[in-house]
Amino acid sequence: MPVFVEWIGKMLMTYVGAMALQALVGLGVGFATYKLAVKPAEAMVSSYLSSAGDVMVNYVGWLGIDQAITIVFSALVGRTAVGAAKAFLVKKG
């Protein structure tokens, strides 16, 4: 078991390991922003659109406006989360 742990430690110190860690961090940020911000926002948009009436909801669904709203909001939340993580994790000077 200690040999396996040592091997994992050496792998994480390489370029491939750094890329793997970045991928895992990105996946974690993406998952967290989806669960904490995008999913509640989808519910809010759905509740606002449901009060618009059946005909309007059908048009919104047919045109894909609800998906577009979710994509734009997801991008904004992701950018904000990455910016906050950079400000917190990166030390200047």
PDB file of N, CA and C in Angstrom:
ATOM      1  N   MET A   1       0.810  -1.202   0.000  1.00  0.00           N
ATOM      2  CA  MET A   1       0.000   0.000   0.000  1.00  0.00           C
ATOM      3  C   MET A   1       0.856   1.270   0.000  1.00  0.00           C
ATOM      4  N   PRO A   2       1.938   1.370   0.800  1.00  0.00           N
ATOM      5  CA  PRO A   2       2.751   2.586   0.768  1.00  0.00           C
ATOM      6  C   PRO A   2       3.386   2.841  -0.605  1.00  0.00           C
ATOM      7  N   VAL A   3       3.704   1.769  -1.338  1.00  0.00           N
ATOM      8  CA  VAL A   3       4.273   1.938  -2.672  1.00  0.00           C
ATOM      9  C   VAL A   3       3.240   2.570  -3.591  1.00  0.00           C
ATOM     10  N   PHE A   4       2.002   2.163  -3.458  1.00  0.00           N
ATOM     11  CA  PHE A   4       0.930   2.715  -4.275  1.00  0.00           C
ATOM     12  C   PHE A   4       0.728   4.197  -3.971  1.00  0.00           C
ATOM     13  N   VAL A   5       0.759   4.556  -2.709  1.00  0.00           N
ATOM     14  CA  VAL A   5       0.608   5.958  -2.313  1.00  0.00           C
ATOM     15  C   VAL A   5       1.778   6.787  -2.833  1.00  0.00           C
ATOM     16  N   GLU A   6       2.993   6.225  -2.772  1.00  0.00           N
ATOM     17  CA  GLU A   6       4.158   6.934  -3.293  1.00  0.00           C
ATOM     18  C   GLU A   6       4.043   7.131  -4.799  1.00  0.00           C
ATOM     19  N   TRP A   7       3.545   6.111  -5.502  1.00  0.00           N
ATOM     20  CA  TRP A   7       3.385   6.214  -6.951  1.00  0.00           C
ATOM     21  C   TRP A   7       2.369   7.301  -7.304  1.00  0.00           C
ATOM     22  N   ILE A   8       1.276   7.349  -6.563  1.00  0.00           N
ATOM     23  CA  ILE A   8       0.266   8.389  -6.818  1.00  0.00           C
ATOM     24  C   ILE A   8       0.856   9.770  -6.554  1.00  0.00           C
ATOM     25  N   GLY A   9       1.645   9.910  -5.495  1.00  0.00           N
ATOM     26  CA  GLY A   9       2.288  11.193  -5.196  1.00  0.00           C
ATOM     27  C   GLY A   9       3.222  11.634  -6.301  1.00  0.00           C
ATOM     28  N   LYS A  10       4.019  10.704  -6.838  1.00  0.00           N
ATOM     29  CA  LYS A  10       4.922  11.047  -7.934  1.00  0.00           C
ATOM     30  C   LYS A  10       4.145  11.414  -9.198  1.00  0.00           C
ATOM     31  N   MET A  11       3.057  10.698  -9.459  1.00  0.00           N
ATOM     32  CA  MET A  11       2.265  10.992 -10.642  1.00  0.00           C
ATOM     33  C   MET A  11       1.649  12.392 -10.550  1.00  0.00           C
ATOM     34  N   LEU A  12       1.200  12.768  -9.360  1.00  0.00           N
ATOM     35  CA  LEU A  12       0.571  14.075  -9.193  1.00  0.00           C
ATOM     36  C   LEU A  12       1.566  15.219  -9.333  1.00  0.00           C
ATOM     37  N   MET A  13       2.853  14.931  -9.184  1.00  0.00           N
ATOM     38  CA  MET A  13       3.865  15.963  -9.328  1.00  0.00           C
ATOM     39  C   MET A  13       4.265  16.176 -10.786  1.00  0.00           C
ATOM     40  N   THR A  14       3.818  15.339 -11.689  1.00  0.00           N
ATOM     41  CA  THR A  14       4.161  15.478 -13.100  1.00  0.00           C
ATOM     42  C   THR A  14       3.167  16.393 -13.793  1.00  0.00           C
ATOM     43  N   TYR A  15       3.433  16.650 -15.055  1.00  0.00           N
ATOM     44  CA  TYR A  15       2.561  17.498 -15.861  1.00  0.00           C
ATOM     45  C   TYR A  15       1.188  16.858 -16.037  1.00  0.00           C
ATOM     46  N   VAL A  16       1.171  15.557 -16.261  1.00  0.00           N
ATOM     47  CA  VAL A  16      -0.095  14.839 -16.423  1.00  0.00           C
ATOM     48  C   VAL A  16      -0.902  14.912 -15.126  1.00  0.00           C
ATOM     49  N   GLY A  17      -0.227  14.776 -14.015  1.00  0.00           N
ATOM     50  CA  GLY A  17      -0.907  14.880 -12.731  1.00  0.00           C
ATOM     51  C   GLY A  17      -1.491  16.260 -12.505  1.00  0.00           C
ATOM     52  N   ALA A  18      -0.748  17.280 -12.918  1.00  0.00           N
ATOM     53  CA  ALA A  18      -1.257  18.647 -12.778  1.00  0.00           C
ATOM     54  C   ALA A  18      -2.490  18.850 -13.646  1.00  0.00           C
ATOM     55  N   MET A  19      -2.450  18.299 -14.852  1.00  0.00           N
ATOM     56  CA  MET A  19      -3.618  18.399 -15.729  1.00  0.00           C
ATOM     57  C   MET A  19      -4.815  17.651 -15.129  1.00  0.00           C
ATOM     58  N   ALA A  20      -4.551  16.479 -14.539  1.00  0.00           N
ATOM     59  CA  ALA A  20      -5.624  15.709 -13.926  1.00  0.00           C
ATOM     60  C   ALA A  20      -6.227  16.464 -12.743  1.00  0.00           C
ATOM     61  N   LEU A  21      -5.374  17.104 -11.954  1.00  0.00           N
ATOM     62  CA  LEU A  21      -5.882  17.890 -10.825  1.00  0.00           C
ATOM     63  C   LEU A  21      -6.715  19.074 -11.300  1.00  0.00           C
ATOM     64  N   GLN A  22      -6.264  19.742 -12.367  1.00  0.00           N
ATOM     65  CA  GLN A  22      -7.040  20.852 -12.914  1.00  0.00           C
ATOM     66  C   GLN A  22      -8.392  20.377 -13.416  1.00  0.00           C
ATOM     67  N   ALA A  23      -8.407  19.200 -14.051  1.00  0.00           N
ATOM     68  CA  ALA A  23      -9.676  18.649 -14.533  1.00  0.00           C
ATOM     69  C   ALA A  23     -10.606  18.335 -13.369  1.00  0.00           C
ATOM     70  N   LEU A  24     -10.058  17.762 -12.295  1.00  0.00           N
ATOM     71  CA  LEU A  24     -10.884  17.451 -11.134  1.00  0.00           C
ATOM     72  C   LEU A  24     -11.417  18.711 -10.456  1.00  0.00           C
ATOM     73  N   VAL A  25     -10.583  19.736 -10.363  1.00  0.00           N
ATOM     74  CA  VAL A  25     -11.032  21.003  -9.780  1.00  0.00           C
ATOM     75  C   VAL A  25     -12.120  21.624 -10.650  1.00  0.00           C
ATOM     76  N   GLY A  26     -11.907  21.602 -11.969  1.00  0.00           N
ATOM     77  CA  GLY A  26     -12.924  22.133 -12.879  1.00  0.00           C
ATOM     78  C   GLY A  26     -14.240  21.383 -12.775  1.00  0.00           C
ATOM     79  N   LEU A  27     -14.141  20.068 -12.655  1.00  0.00           N
ATOM     80  CA  LEU A  27     -15.347  19.257 -12.506  1.00  0.00           C
ATOM     81  C   LEU A  27     -16.052  19.595 -11.195  1.00  0.00           C
ATOM     82  N   GLY A  28     -15.285  19.774 -10.141  1.00  0.00           N
ATOM     83  CA  GLY A  28     -15.876  20.123  -8.855  1.00  0.00           C
ATOM     84  C   GLY A  28     -16.540  21.482  -8.881  1.00  0.00           C
ATOM     85  N   VAL A  29     -15.887  22.472  -9.508  1.00  0.00           N
ATOM     86  CA  VAL A  29     -16.470  23.815  -9.607  1.00  0.00           C
ATOM     87  C   VAL A  29     -17.733  23.761 -10.445  1.00  0.00           C
ATOM     88  N   GLY A  30     -17.671  23.026 -11.551  1.00  0.00           N
ATOM     89  CA  GLY A  30     -18.851  22.901 -12.404  1.00  0.00           C
ATOM     90  C   GLY A  30     -20.016  22.244 -11.690  1.00  0.00           C
ATOM     91  N   PHE A  31     -19.741  21.180 -10.956  1.00  0.00           N
ATOM     92  CA  PHE A  31     -20.796  20.482 -10.226  1.00  0.00           C
ATOM     93  C   PHE A  31     -21.379  21.366  -9.129  1.00  0.00           C
ATOM     94  N   ALA A  32     -20.509  22.045  -8.412  1.00  0.00           N
ATOM     95  CA  ALA A  32     -20.980  22.902  -7.317  1.00  0.00           C
ATOM     96  C   ALA A  32     -21.818  24.063  -7.841  1.00  0.00           C
ATOM     97  N   THR A  33     -21.377  24.705  -8.909  1.00  0.00           N
ATOM     98  CA  THR A  33     -22.156  25.819  -9.444  1.00  0.00           C
ATOM     99  C   THR A  33     -23.480  25.342 -10.010  1.00  0.00           C
ATOM    100  N   TYR A  34     -23.485  24.140 -10.602  1.00  0.00           N
ATOM    101  CA  TYR A  34     -24.755  23.626 -11.132  1.00  0.00           C
ATOM    102  C   TYR A  34     -25.740  23.344 -10.003  1.00  0.00           C
ATOM    103  N   LYS A  35     -25.271  22.674  -8.964  1.00  0.00           N
ATOM    104  CA  LYS A  35     -26.173  22.302  -7.871  1.00  0.00           C
ATOM    105  C   LYS A  35     -26.601  23.508  -7.035  1.00  0.00           C
ATOM    106  N   LEU A  36     -25.696  24.466  -6.829  1.00  0.00           N
ATOM    107  CA  LEU A  36     -25.991  25.570  -5.914  1.00  0.00           C
ATOM    108  C   LEU A  36     -26.578  26.800  -6.584  1.00  0.00           C
ATOM    109  N   ALA A  37     -26.369  26.970  -7.889  1.00  0.00           N
ATOM    110  CA  ALA A  37     -26.836  28.197  -8.526  1.00  0.00           C
ATOM    111  C   ALA A  37     -27.719  27.945  -9.747  1.00  0.00           C
ATOM    112  N   VAL A  38     -27.281  27.067 -10.637  1.00  0.00           N
ATOM    113  CA  VAL A  38     -28.015  26.898 -11.890  1.00  0.00           C
ATOM    114  C   VAL A  38     -29.329  26.164 -11.669  1.00  0.00           C
ATOM    115  N   LYS A  39     -29.313  25.097 -10.899  1.00  0.00           N
ATOM    116  CA  LYS A  39     -30.539  24.325 -10.662  1.00  0.00           C
ATOM    117  C   LYS A  39     -31.620  25.166  -9.975  1.00  0.00           C
ATOM    118  N   PRO A  40     -31.305  25.929  -8.918  1.00  0.00           N
ATOM    119  CA  PRO A  40     -32.346  26.805  -8.338  1.00  0.00           C
ATOM    120  C   PRO A  40     -32.814  27.882  -9.321  1.00  0.00           C
ATOM    121  N   ALA A  41     -31.904  28.386 -10.154  1.00  0.00           N
ATOM    122  CA  ALA A  41     -32.302  29.400 -11.128  1.00  0.00           C
ATOM    123  C   ALA A  41     -33.225  28.805 -12.184  1.00  0.00           C
ATOM    124  N   GLU A  42     -32.962  27.556 -12.588  1.00  0.00           N
ATOM    125  CA  GLU A  42     -33.870  26.885 -13.526  1.00  0.00           C
ATOM    126  C   GLU A  42     -35.271  26.777 -12.938  1.00  0.00           C
ATOM    127  N   ALA A  43     -35.350  26.430 -11.669  1.00  0.00           N
ATOM    128  CA  ALA A  43     -36.651  26.327 -11.016  1.00  0.00           C
ATOM    129  C   ALA A  43     -37.348  27.688 -10.971  1.00  0.00           C
ATOM    130  N   MET A  44     -36.577  28.741 -10.725  1.00  0.00           N
ATOM    131  CA  MET A  44     -37.153  30.080 -10.676  1.00  0.00           C
ATOM    132  C   MET A  44     -37.668  30.494 -12.059  1.00  0.00           C
ATOM    133  N   VAL A  45     -36.873  30.247 -13.105  1.00  0.00           N
ATOM    134  CA  VAL A  45     -37.289  30.595 -14.465  1.00  0.00           C
ATOM    135  C   VAL A  45     -38.528  29.790 -14.848  1.00  0.00           C
ATOM    136  N   SER A  46     -38.553  28.517 -14.490  1.00  0.00           N
ATOM    137  CA  SER A  46     -39.717  27.678 -14.798  1.00  0.00           C
ATOM    138  C   SER A  46     -40.972  28.196 -14.092  1.00  0.00           C
ATOM    139  N   SER A  47     -40.818  28.637 -12.859  1.00  0.00           N
ATOM    140  CA  SER A  47     -41.989  29.150 -12.147  1.00  0.00           C
ATOM    141  C   SER A  47     -42.483  30.455 -12.759  1.00  0.00           C
ATOM    142  N   TYR A  48     -41.559  31.323 -13.198  1.00  0.00           N
ATOM    143  CA  TYR A  48     -41.977  32.560 -13.852  1.00  0.00           C
ATOM    144  C   TYR A  48     -42.651  32.284 -15.187  1.00  0.00           C
ATOM    145  N   LEU A  49     -42.095  31.320 -15.946  1.00  0.00           N
ATOM    146  CA  LEU A  49     -42.670  31.020 -17.250  1.00  0.00           C
ATOM    147  C   LEU A  49     -44.011  30.305 -17.129  1.00  0.00           C
ATOM    148  N   SER A  50     -44.182  29.525 -16.078  1.00  0.00           N
ATOM    149  CA  SER A  50     -45.451  28.807 -15.922  1.00  0.00           C
ATOM    150  C   SER A  50     -46.605  29.758 -15.638  1.00  0.00           C
ATOM    151  N   SER A  51     -46.304  30.909 -15.066  1.00  0.00           N
ATOM    152  CA  SER A  51     -47.367  31.881 -14.795  1.00  0.00           C
ATOM    153  C   SER A  51     -47.723  32.697 -16.041  1.00  0.00           C
ATOM    154  N   ALA A  52     -46.978  32.508 -17.135  1.00  0.00           N
ATOM    155  CA  ALA A  52     -47.233  33.279 -18.353  1.00  0.00           C
ATOM    156  C   ALA A  52     -48.405  32.727 -19.159  1.00  0.00           C
ATOM    157  N   GLY A  53     -48.783  31.498 -18.915  1.00  0.00           N
ATOM    158  CA  GLY A  53     -49.894  30.908 -19.663  1.00  0.00           C
ATOM    159  C   GLY A  53     -49.406  29.755 -20.535  1.00  0.00           C
ATOM    160  N   ASP A  54     -50.351  28.908 -20.908  1.00  0.00           N
ATOM    161  CA  ASP A  54     -49.997  27.706 -21.652  1.00  0.00           C
ATOM    162  C   ASP A  54     -49.433  27.999 -23.034  1.00  0.00           C
ATOM    163  N   VAL A  55     -50.024  28.946 -23.742  1.00  0.00           N
ATOM    164  CA  VAL A  55     -49.570  29.252 -25.099  1.00  0.00           C
ATOM    165  C   VAL A  55     -48.145  29.797 -25.070  1.00  0.00           C
ATOM    166  N   MET A  56     -47.875  30.698 -24.148  1.00  0.00           N
ATOM    167  CA  MET A  56     -46.541  31.282 -24.038  1.00  0.00           C
ATOM    168  C   MET A  56     -45.516  30.219 -23.645  1.00  0.00           C
ATOM    169  N   VAL A  57     -45.860  29.320 -22.736  1.00  0.00           N
ATOM    170  CA  VAL A  57     -44.949  28.255 -22.322  1.00  0.00           C
ATOM    171  C   VAL A  57     -44.634  27.347 -23.501  1.00  0.00           C
ATOM    172  N   ASN A  58     -45.629  27.050 -24.322  1.00  0.00           N
ATOM    173  CA  ASN A  58     -45.394  26.222 -25.510  1.00  0.00           C
ATOM    174  C   ASN A  58     -44.448  26.909 -26.490  1.00  0.00           C
ATOM    175  N   TYR A  59     -44.626  28.214 -26.716  1.00  0.00           N
ATOM    176  CA  TYR A  59     -43.723  28.949 -27.614  1.00  0.00           C
ATOM    177  C   TYR A  59     -42.292  28.983 -27.066  1.00  0.00           C
ATOM    178  N   VAL A  60     -42.179  29.230 -25.784  1.00  0.00           N
ATOM    179  CA  VAL A  60     -40.850  29.279 -25.156  1.00  0.00           C
ATOM    180  C   VAL A  60     -40.156  27.928 -25.276  1.00  0.00           C
ATOM    181  N   GLY A  61     -40.882  26.852 -25.032  1.00  0.00           N
ATOM    182  CA  GLY A  61     -40.306  25.515 -25.169  1.00  0.00           C
ATOM    183  C   GLY A  61     -39.970  25.178 -26.606  1.00  0.00           C
ATOM    184  N   TRP A  62     -40.810  25.548 -27.538  1.00  0.00           N
ATOM    185  CA  TRP A  62     -40.580  25.247 -28.951  1.00  0.00           C
ATOM    186  C   TRP A  62     -39.388  26.023 -29.498  1.00  0.00           C
ATOM    187  N   LEU A  63     -39.244  27.272 -29.096  1.00  0.00           N
ATOM    188  CA  LEU A  63     -38.130  28.086 -29.566  1.00  0.00           C
ATOM    189  C   LEU A  63     -36.828  27.814 -28.814  1.00  0.00           C
ATOM    190  N   GLY A  64     -36.908  27.132 -27.678  1.00  0.00           N
ATOM    191  CA  GLY A  64     -35.707  26.821 -26.907  1.00  0.00           C
ATOM    192  C   GLY A  64     -35.200  27.980 -26.076  1.00  0.00           C
ATOM    193  N   ILE A  65     -36.065  28.914 -25.782  1.00  0.00           N
ATOM    194  CA  ILE A  65     -35.656  30.081 -25.006  1.00  0.00           C
ATOM    195  C   ILE A  65     -35.272  29.679 -23.587  1.00  0.00           C
ATOM    196  N   ASP A  66     -35.974  28.692 -23.026  1.00  0.00           N
ATOM    197  CA  ASP A  66     -35.644  28.255 -21.669  1.00  0.00           C
ATOM    198  C   ASP A  66     -34.243  27.655 -21.604  1.00  0.00           C
ATOM    199  N   GLN A  67     -33.852  26.912 -22.626  1.00  0.00           N
ATOM    200  CA  GLN A  67     -32.491  26.364 -22.668  1.00  0.00           C
ATOM    201  C   GLN A  67     -31.461  27.475 -22.839  1.00  0.00           C
ATOM    202  N   ALA A  68     -31.786  28.466 -23.656  1.00  0.00           N
ATOM    203  CA  ALA A  68     -30.861  29.580 -23.853  1.00  0.00           C
ATOM    204  C   ALA A  68     -30.651  30.360 -22.566  1.00  0.00           C
ATOM    205  N   ILE A  69     -31.718  30.572 -21.816  1.00  0.00           N
ATOM    206  CA  ILE A  69     -31.604  31.270 -20.538  1.00  0.00           C
ATOM    207  C   ILE A  69     -30.717  30.476 -19.588  1.00  0.00           C
ATOM    208  N   THR A  70     -30.911  29.154 -19.558  1.00  0.00           N
ATOM    209  CA  THR A  70     -30.108  28.304 -18.679  1.00  0.00           C
ATOM    210  C   THR A  70     -28.644  28.312 -19.090  1.00  0.00           C
ATOM    211  N   ILE A  71     -28.356  28.268 -20.382  1.00  0.00           N
ATOM    212  CA  ILE A  71     -26.968  28.276 -20.864  1.00  0.00           C
ATOM    213  C   ILE A  71     -26.277  29.581 -20.506  1.00  0.00           C
ATOM    214  N   VAL A  72     -26.949  30.696 -20.734  1.00  0.00           N
ATOM    215  CA  VAL A  72     -26.349  32.000 -20.433  1.00  0.00           C
ATOM    216  C   VAL A  72     -26.128  32.141 -18.924  1.00  0.00           C
ATOM    217  N   PHE A  73     -27.107  31.752 -18.133  1.00  0.00           N
ATOM    218  CA  PHE A  73     -26.964  31.868 -16.687  1.00  0.00           C
ATOM    219  C   PHE A  73     -25.863  30.951 -16.169  1.00  0.00           C
ATOM    220  N   SER A  74     -25.766  29.749 -16.735  1.00  0.00           N
ATOM    221  CA  SER A  74     -24.721  28.814 -16.334  1.00  0.00           C
ATOM    222  C   SER A  74     -23.332  29.375 -16.650  1.00  0.00           C
ATOM    223  N   ALA A  75     -23.194  30.001 -17.801  1.00  0.00           N
ATOM    224  CA  ALA A  75     -21.903  30.593 -18.166  1.00  0.00           C
ATOM    225  C   ALA A  75     -21.538  31.737 -17.220  1.00  0.00           C
ATOM    226  N   LEU A  76     -22.503  32.565 -16.878  1.00  0.00           N
ATOM    227  CA  LEU A  76     -22.229  33.676 -15.962  1.00  0.00           C
ATOM    228  C   LEU A  76     -21.837  33.179 -14.578  1.00  0.00           C
ATOM    229  N   VAL A  77     -22.548  32.184 -14.086  1.00  0.00           N
ATOM    230  CA  VAL A  77     -22.240  31.648 -12.762  1.00  0.00           C
ATOM    231  C   VAL A  77     -20.880  30.957 -12.769  1.00  0.00           C
ATOM    232  N   GLY A  78     -20.596  30.204 -13.829  1.00  0.00           N
ATOM    233  CA  GLY A  78     -19.296  29.544 -13.939  1.00  0.00           C
ATOM    234  C   GLY A  78     -18.151  30.531 -13.974  1.00  0.00           C
ATOM    235  N   ARG A  79     -18.308  31.602 -14.754  1.00  0.00           N
ATOM    236  CA  ARG A  79     -17.261  32.627 -14.828  1.00  0.00           C
ATOM    237  C   ARG A  79     -17.054  33.300 -13.478  1.00  0.00           C
ATOM    238  N   THR A  80     -18.115  33.582 -12.791  1.00  0.00           N
ATOM    239  CA  THR A  80     -18.010  34.195 -11.471  1.00  0.00           C
ATOM    240  C   THR A  80     -17.331  33.254 -10.478  1.00  0.00           C
ATOM    241  N   ALA A  81     -17.687  31.972 -10.536  1.00  0.00           N
ATOM    242  CA  ALA A  81     -17.087  31.003  -9.617  1.00  0.00           C
ATOM    243  C   ALA A  81     -15.601  30.830  -9.881  1.00  0.00           C
ATOM    244  N   VAL A  82     -15.212  30.764 -11.151  1.00  0.00           N
ATOM    245  CA  VAL A  82     -13.790  30.619 -11.483  1.00  0.00           C
ATOM    246  C   VAL A  82     -13.027  31.883 -11.087  1.00  0.00           C
ATOM    247  N   GLY A  83     -13.617  33.050 -11.314  1.00  0.00           N
ATOM    248  CA  GLY A  83     -12.974  34.296 -10.902  1.00  0.00           C
ATOM    249  C   GLY A  83     -12.795  34.377  -9.396  1.00  0.00           C
ATOM    250  N   ALA A  84     -13.794  33.931  -8.657  1.00  0.00           N
ATOM    251  CA  ALA A  84     -13.688  33.929  -7.201  1.00  0.00           C
ATOM    252  C   ALA A  84     -12.636  32.933  -6.724  1.00  0.00           C
ATOM    253  N   ALA A  85     -12.587  31.771  -7.378  1.00  0.00           N
ATOM    254  CA  ALA A  85     -11.581  30.772  -7.006  1.00  0.00           C
ATOM    255  C   ALA A  85     -10.182  31.277  -7.297  1.00  0.00           C
ATOM    256  N   LYS A  86     -10.002  31.956  -8.438  1.00  0.00           N
ATOM    257  CA  LYS A  86      -8.680  32.506  -8.761  1.00  0.00           C
ATOM    258  C   LYS A  86      -8.282  33.575  -7.753  1.00  0.00           C
ATOM    259  N   ALA A  87      -9.222  34.430  -7.388  1.00  0.00           N
ATOM    260  CA  ALA A  87      -8.906  35.483  -6.427  1.00  0.00           C
ATOM    261  C   ALA A  87      -8.554  34.897  -5.065  1.00  0.00           C
ATOM    262  N   PHE A  88      -9.167  33.804  -4.722  1.00  0.00           N
ATOM    263  CA  PHE A  88      -8.934  33.176  -3.421  1.00  0.00           C
ATOM    264  C   PHE A  88      -7.661  32.326  -3.416  1.00  0.00           C
ATOM    265  N   LEU A  89      -7.418  31.606  -4.499  1.00  0.00           N
ATOM    266  CA  LEU A  89      -6.318  30.631  -4.512  1.00  0.00           C
ATOM    267  C   LEU A  89      -5.004  31.171  -5.037  1.00  0.00           C
ATOM    268  N   VAL A  90      -5.036  32.171  -5.910  1.00  0.00           N
ATOM    269  CA  VAL A  90      -3.808  32.692  -6.502  1.00  0.00           C
ATOM    270  C   VAL A  90      -3.288  33.847  -5.654  1.00  0.00           C
ATOM    271  N   LYS A  91      -2.051  33.726  -5.269  1.00  0.00           N
ATOM    272  CA  LYS A  91      -1.447  34.808  -4.484  1.00  0.00           C
ATOM    273  C   LYS A  91      -0.698  35.747  -5.412  1.00  0.00           C
ATOM    274  N   LYS A  92      -0.859  37.023  -5.194  1.00  0.00           N
ATOM    275  CA  LYS A  92      -0.212  38.019  -6.042  1.00  0.00           C
ATOM    276  C   LYS A  92       1.052  38.528  -5.364  1.00  0.00           C
ATOM    277  N   GLY A  93       2.072  38.663  -6.214  1.00  0.00           N
ATOM    278  CA  GLY A  93       3.326  39.276  -5.815  1.00  0.00           C
ATOM    279  C   GLY A  93       3.975  38.622  -4.692  1.00  0.00           C
TER     280      GLY A  93
END
